[in-house]
Amino acid sequence: MKVQRSTGEDPGSVRYDTFEVPRQPGMVVLNAIHYIQANLDPSLSARWNCKAGRCGSCSAEINGRPRLMCKTPVESIEGEITVEPMKAFPRLRDLVTDVGENWKVAKMIPPFTPRESGEGVWRFYQRDVDRSREFRKCIECFLCQDVCHVIREHEAEYVGPRWVVKAASLDMHPMDGLNRSKFMKDVGGLGYCNITKCCQEICPEHIVITDDAIIPEKERVVDVHYDPLLWLVRHVPRSQAQLEVVIKKVLKYVFWVALVAPVVLVPLYYLAKVFFPLP
């Protein structure tokens, strides 16, 4: 087994150490890391917790693919195994990375906001419950964040797949009444995602991230901010007060057009007569 070693973000400290680890039936990569720590090099740093694929702590890149070490059988890999830290996050030491930026993003997402119920009783269908329940399976291993090329290579202002899933789980909640499309468009950088589905393929909980979360969120942004028909529908006055506001805006625009048009159009007319045979 070859393990990448480093101390902080210093590129000069990066090296690869090779260890001989005896294969055993049922062994996973995390077991091999523990064998190295116990028998070969106790200074090797790695993050882990449950050893059952439920905490998401032991995320790493195994032969170049982001995976959980506790769910990757050694038997499934032929030849040498190379274990590296997640490349999308700052290195702390060896296989341990700093994922603290994710918690800052989590605080930015508008929280659950219950909608008003006119009858005082909440009613919703089971299919609405099932739709957002899928997203609660996330164990926050951040493998989807690691594999996302927008975060990994371009460092764009994009919150990443994990937090699009979080926003989708709130937007699709049958009791939530807040529209997060403006946040996802202006702050979340949702437009940077080009739907390669790499995050969906890598998810250890098999959450259909792209099809069930990212695409619906993109559609919601388009509907709210770019669809001209829906824009007209939203701006149709539904009360006397709204109608008066619209009339005042229209009269204001008409006034300014009538005031500015002669000042702009008359000089343009005489300038055009110089070059073209106008009446």
Protein backbone atom coordinates (compact mmCIF):
# COMPACT_ATOMS: atom_id res chain seq x y z
CA MET A 1 0.00 0.00 0.00
CA LYS A 2 1.24 3.47 -0.96
CA VAL A 3 0.09 6.35 1.27
CA GLN A 4 0.53 10.06 0.60
CA ARG A 5 2.15 11.87 3.52
CA SER A 6 2.35 15.60 4.11
CA THR A 7 2.43 18.28 6.75
CA GLY A 8 -0.01 21.08 6.07
CA GLU A 9 -0.20 22.79 2.70
CA ASP A 10 3.55 22.86 2.12
CA PRO A 11 4.08 21.18 -1.31
CA GLY A 12 7.62 20.29 -0.32
CA SER A 13 6.38 18.04 2.47
CA VAL A 14 4.34 15.79 0.15
CA ARG A 15 5.78 12.32 -0.28
CA TYR A 16 4.57 8.74 -0.73
CA ASP A 17 5.45 5.99 1.73
CA THR A 18 5.03 2.35 0.76
CA PHE A 19 3.97 -0.27 3.30
CA GLU A 20 3.63 -4.06 3.10
CA VAL A 21 0.26 -4.97 4.58
CA PRO A 22 -0.91 -8.61 4.78
CA ARG A 23 -4.23 -9.15 3.03
CA GLN A 24 -6.92 -10.76 5.16
CA PRO A 25 -10.45 -11.94 4.25
CA GLY A 26 -12.99 -9.13 4.59
CA MET A 27 -10.32 -6.46 4.99
CA VAL A 28 -11.21 -2.92 3.94
CA VAL A 29 -8.77 -0.09 3.24
CA LEU A 30 -9.41 1.44 6.66
CA ASN A 31 -8.31 -1.84 8.28
CA ALA A 32 -5.07 -1.61 6.32
CA ILE A 33 -4.53 1.97 7.53
CA HIS A 34 -5.08 0.82 11.11
CA TYR A 35 -2.59 -2.03 10.59
CA ILE A 36 0.02 0.50 9.45
CA GLN A 37 -0.65 2.72 12.48
CA ALA A 38 -0.48 -0.19 14.90
CA ASN A 39 2.48 -2.09 13.47
CA LEU A 40 4.51 -0.03 11.00
CA ASP A 41 4.18 3.73 11.50
CA PRO A 42 2.17 5.18 14.42
CA SER A 43 2.72 8.71 13.09
CA LEU A 44 0.35 8.15 10.13
CA SER A 45 -2.67 10.45 10.52
CA ALA A 46 -6.14 9.48 9.29
CA ARG A 47 -9.64 10.52 10.30
CA TRP A 48 -12.23 7.87 11.12
CA ASN A 49 -15.01 7.21 13.58
CA CYS A 50 -17.67 4.51 13.12
CA LYS A 51 -16.02 1.98 10.77
CA ALA A 52 -19.55 1.27 9.49
CA GLY A 53 -20.06 3.73 6.63
CA ARG A 54 -22.40 5.96 8.66
CA CYS A 55 -20.25 8.88 9.82
CA GLY A 56 -18.52 9.92 6.59
CA SER A 57 -15.25 10.61 8.42
CA CYS A 58 -12.86 8.31 6.54
CA SER A 59 -13.19 9.92 3.10
CA ALA A 60 -10.10 9.66 0.92
CA GLU A 61 -9.02 9.05 -2.66
CA ILE A 62 -8.24 5.40 -3.33
CA ASN A 63 -6.38 4.83 -6.59
CA GLY A 64 -7.56 8.25 -7.69
CA ARG A 65 -11.26 7.71 -6.92
CA PRO A 66 -12.97 9.44 -3.95
CA ARG A 67 -14.31 6.71 -1.66
CA LEU A 68 -14.93 5.82 1.97
CA MET A 69 -12.02 3.76 3.28
CA CYS A 70 -14.34 1.71 5.49
CA LYS A 71 -16.51 0.67 2.52
CA THR A 72 -13.74 -0.18 0.06
CA PRO A 73 -12.78 -3.88 0.22
CA VAL A 74 -9.13 -4.60 -0.37
CA GLU A 75 -10.16 -7.64 -2.43
CA SER A 76 -11.86 -5.37 -4.97
CA ILE A 77 -8.54 -3.75 -5.90
CA GLU A 78 -5.89 -5.59 -7.84
CA GLY A 79 -2.22 -4.82 -7.29
CA GLU A 80 -0.91 -1.84 -5.35
CA ILE A 81 -3.32 0.41 -3.48
CA THR A 82 -2.65 4.16 -3.36
CA VAL A 83 -4.42 6.19 -0.69
CA GLU A 84 -4.43 10.01 -0.86
CA PRO A 85 -6.35 12.76 0.97
CA MET A 86 -9.27 14.54 -0.69
CA LYS A 87 -7.75 17.05 -3.10
CA ALA A 88 -10.59 19.58 -2.97
CA PHE A 89 -9.82 20.53 0.64
CA PRO A 90 -6.73 21.93 2.39
CA ARG A 91 -4.39 19.28 3.77
CA LEU A 92 -3.77 19.21 7.50
CA ARG A 93 -1.61 16.12 7.85
CA ASP A 94 -1.32 12.93 5.81
CA LEU A 95 -4.88 11.74 5.03
CA VAL A 96 -6.60 14.38 7.18
CA THR A 97 -8.09 17.41 5.40
CA ASP A 98 -9.79 20.57 6.64
CA VAL A 99 -13.49 20.42 5.68
CA GLY A 100 -14.43 23.39 7.88
CA GLU A 101 -15.42 25.53 4.90
CA ASN A 102 -18.48 23.31 4.47
CA TRP A 103 -19.90 24.40 7.83
CA LYS A 104 -19.58 28.05 6.81
CA VAL A 105 -21.60 27.30 3.67
CA ALA A 106 -24.19 25.43 5.76
CA LYS A 107 -24.82 28.58 7.79
CA MET A 108 -25.39 30.60 4.60
CA ILE A 109 -28.31 28.51 3.34
CA PRO A 110 -31.68 30.05 4.28
CA PRO A 111 -33.14 27.82 7.02
CA PHE A 112 -36.43 25.98 7.08
CA THR A 113 -39.29 28.50 7.08
CA PRO A 114 -42.79 27.09 7.69
CA ARG A 115 -45.42 28.33 5.29
CA GLU A 116 -48.68 29.78 6.54
CA SER A 117 -51.62 27.43 6.80
CA GLY A 118 -54.94 29.17 6.21
CA GLU A 119 -56.93 26.40 7.86
CA GLY A 120 -54.54 25.97 10.77
CA VAL A 121 -54.03 22.33 9.81
CA TRP A 122 -51.09 20.92 7.85
CA ARG A 123 -52.02 18.60 5.00
CA PHE A 124 -49.56 17.02 2.58
CA TYR A 125 -49.18 13.82 0.61
CA GLN A 126 -46.85 10.89 1.28
CA ARG A 127 -45.14 11.43 -2.08
CA ASP A 128 -44.10 14.92 -0.89
CA VAL A 129 -42.58 13.38 2.23
CA ASP A 130 -40.74 10.69 0.23
CA ARG A 131 -39.32 13.26 -2.19
CA SER A 132 -37.31 15.11 0.46
CA ARG A 133 -36.62 12.06 2.62
CA GLU A 134 -34.03 10.75 0.14
CA PHE A 135 -31.78 13.73 0.84
CA ARG A 136 -31.69 12.99 4.58
CA LYS A 137 -29.60 9.91 3.90
CA CYS A 138 -26.57 12.16 3.37
CA ILE A 139 -23.76 11.32 5.83
CA GLU A 140 -21.75 14.43 4.89
CA CYS A 141 -18.68 12.53 3.76
CA PHE A 142 -18.12 15.36 1.23
CA LEU A 143 -17.01 12.95 -1.48
CA CYS A 144 -19.39 14.75 -3.86
CA GLN A 145 -17.66 18.03 -3.00
CA ASP A 146 -14.28 16.43 -3.60
CA VAL A 147 -15.12 14.96 -7.00
CA CYS A 148 -16.84 18.12 -8.29
CA HIS A 149 -14.48 19.63 -10.87
CA VAL A 150 -15.94 23.12 -10.34
CA ILE A 151 -14.72 23.09 -6.73
CA ARG A 152 -11.66 20.92 -7.31
CA GLU A 153 -10.10 22.68 -10.30
CA HIS A 154 -11.81 26.01 -10.97
CA GLU A 155 -12.39 27.24 -7.40
CA ALA A 156 -15.54 29.01 -8.54
CA GLU A 157 -18.08 30.55 -6.16
CA TYR A 158 -20.17 27.39 -6.10
CA VAL A 159 -21.54 25.89 -2.89
CA GLY A 160 -21.19 22.36 -4.27
CA PRO A 161 -23.46 19.31 -4.64
CA ARG A 162 -23.81 18.63 -0.92
CA TRP A 163 -25.34 22.04 -0.27
CA VAL A 164 -27.52 22.00 -3.37
CA VAL A 165 -28.95 18.79 -1.89
CA LYS A 166 -29.49 20.62 1.40
CA ALA A 167 -31.31 23.49 -0.33
CA ALA A 168 -33.39 21.03 -2.35
CA SER A 169 -34.39 19.12 0.80
CA LEU A 170 -35.76 22.38 2.21
CA ASP A 171 -37.38 23.61 -1.01
CA MET A 172 -39.14 20.26 -1.50
CA HIS A 173 -40.32 20.00 2.09
CA PRO A 174 -44.15 20.11 2.00
CA MET A 175 -44.28 22.55 4.95
CA ASP A 176 -41.55 24.95 3.80
CA GLY A 177 -42.69 28.25 2.32
CA LEU A 178 -39.40 29.95 1.36
CA ASN A 179 -38.11 30.22 -2.19
CA ARG A 180 -34.31 29.81 -2.25
CA SER A 181 -33.86 30.32 -6.00
CA LYS A 182 -32.37 33.82 -5.62
CA PHE A 183 -29.85 32.54 -3.09
CA MET A 184 -28.88 29.61 -5.32
CA LYS A 185 -28.51 31.91 -8.34
CA ASP A 186 -26.66 34.84 -6.78
CA VAL A 187 -24.77 33.30 -3.85
CA GLY A 188 -24.80 29.54 -4.41
CA GLY A 189 -23.37 29.74 -7.94
CA LEU A 190 -25.72 27.02 -9.20
CA GLY A 191 -25.10 28.08 -12.80
CA TYR A 192 -21.51 26.78 -12.59
CA CYS A 193 -22.71 23.17 -12.38
CA ASN A 194 -22.78 21.60 -15.87
CA ILE A 195 -24.43 18.34 -14.78
CA THR A 196 -21.65 15.81 -15.36
CA LYS A 197 -23.25 13.53 -12.70
CA CYS A 198 -19.85 12.69 -11.20
CA CYS A 199 -21.19 13.56 -7.73
CA GLN A 200 -24.14 11.25 -8.24
CA GLU A 201 -21.92 8.36 -9.27
CA ILE A 202 -19.62 8.74 -6.27
CA CYS A 203 -22.24 9.02 -3.50
CA PRO A 204 -21.88 6.09 -1.05
CA GLU A 205 -25.55 6.47 -0.02
CA HIS A 206 -26.68 6.32 -3.68
CA ILE A 207 -28.52 9.63 -3.48
CA VAL A 208 -29.58 10.67 -6.98
CA ILE A 209 -27.95 14.08 -6.53
CA THR A 210 -28.07 15.40 -10.08
CA ASP A 211 -31.47 14.19 -11.21
CA ASP A 212 -33.38 14.69 -7.96
CA ALA A 213 -31.69 17.78 -6.49
CA ILE A 214 -29.50 19.80 -8.86
CA ILE A 215 -31.73 19.71 -11.95
CA PRO A 216 -34.93 20.61 -10.03
CA GLU A 217 -33.08 23.48 -8.35
CA LYS A 218 -31.84 24.71 -11.73
CA GLU A 219 -35.38 24.49 -13.10
CA ARG A 220 -36.66 26.50 -10.15
CA VAL A 221 -34.09 29.24 -10.80
CA VAL A 222 -35.05 29.39 -14.49
CA ASP A 223 -38.77 29.49 -13.71
CA VAL A 224 -38.44 32.30 -11.19
CA HIS A 225 -35.79 34.49 -12.83
CA TYR A 226 -35.70 33.79 -16.57
CA ASP A 227 -39.10 32.54 -17.80
CA PRO A 228 -40.83 35.54 -19.50
CA LEU A 229 -44.35 34.10 -19.24
CA LEU A 230 -44.05 33.43 -15.54
CA TRP A 231 -42.58 36.91 -15.10
CA LEU A 232 -45.73 38.39 -16.66
CA VAL A 233 -47.97 36.21 -14.51
CA ARG A 234 -46.17 37.31 -11.36
CA HIS A 235 -46.55 40.97 -12.29
CA VAL A 236 -50.26 40.86 -13.11
CA PRO A 237 -51.99 43.02 -10.45
CA ARG A 238 -54.27 41.00 -8.17
CA SER A 239 -55.72 43.86 -6.11
CA GLN A 240 -56.69 47.52 -6.45
CA ALA A 241 -53.54 48.62 -4.61
CA GLN A 242 -51.28 46.54 -6.90
CA LEU A 243 -53.10 47.93 -9.95
CA GLU A 244 -52.50 51.51 -8.78
CA VAL A 245 -48.79 50.77 -8.30
CA VAL A 246 -48.52 49.34 -11.82
CA ILE A 247 -50.37 52.33 -13.34
CA LYS A 248 -48.04 54.77 -11.55
CA LYS A 249 -44.98 52.92 -12.87
CA VAL A 250 -46.34 52.91 -16.43
CA LEU A 251 -47.19 56.63 -16.31
CA LYS A 252 -43.73 57.36 -14.93
CA TYR A 253 -42.07 55.51 -17.83
CA VAL A 254 -44.37 57.20 -20.38
CA PHE A 255 -43.49 60.62 -18.93
CA TRP A 256 -39.76 60.04 -19.19
CA VAL A 257 -40.01 58.60 -22.70
CA ALA A 258 -42.06 61.60 -23.85
CA LEU A 259 -39.55 63.96 -22.25
CA VAL A 260 -36.37 62.32 -23.54
CA ALA A 261 -37.50 61.10 -26.97
CA PRO A 262 -37.55 64.54 -28.73
CA VAL A 263 -34.16 65.44 -27.26
CA VAL A 264 -32.62 62.24 -28.62
CA LEU A 265 -34.57 61.55 -31.79
CA VAL A 266 -34.54 65.04 -33.37
CA PRO A 267 -30.72 65.36 -33.47
CA LEU A 268 -30.51 61.79 -34.77
CA TYR A 269 -32.97 62.66 -37.52
CA TYR A 270 -30.95 65.65 -38.76
CA LEU A 271 -27.71 63.69 -38.45
CA ALA A 272 -29.18 60.92 -40.57
CA LYS A 273 -30.26 63.46 -43.24
CA VAL A 274 -26.62 64.32 -43.77
CA PHE A 275 -25.83 60.77 -44.91
CA PHE A 276 -29.17 59.51 -46.25
CA PRO A 277 -31.84 61.11 -48.51
CA LEU A 278 -34.58 61.49 -45.89
CA PRO A 279 -37.73 63.68 -46.38
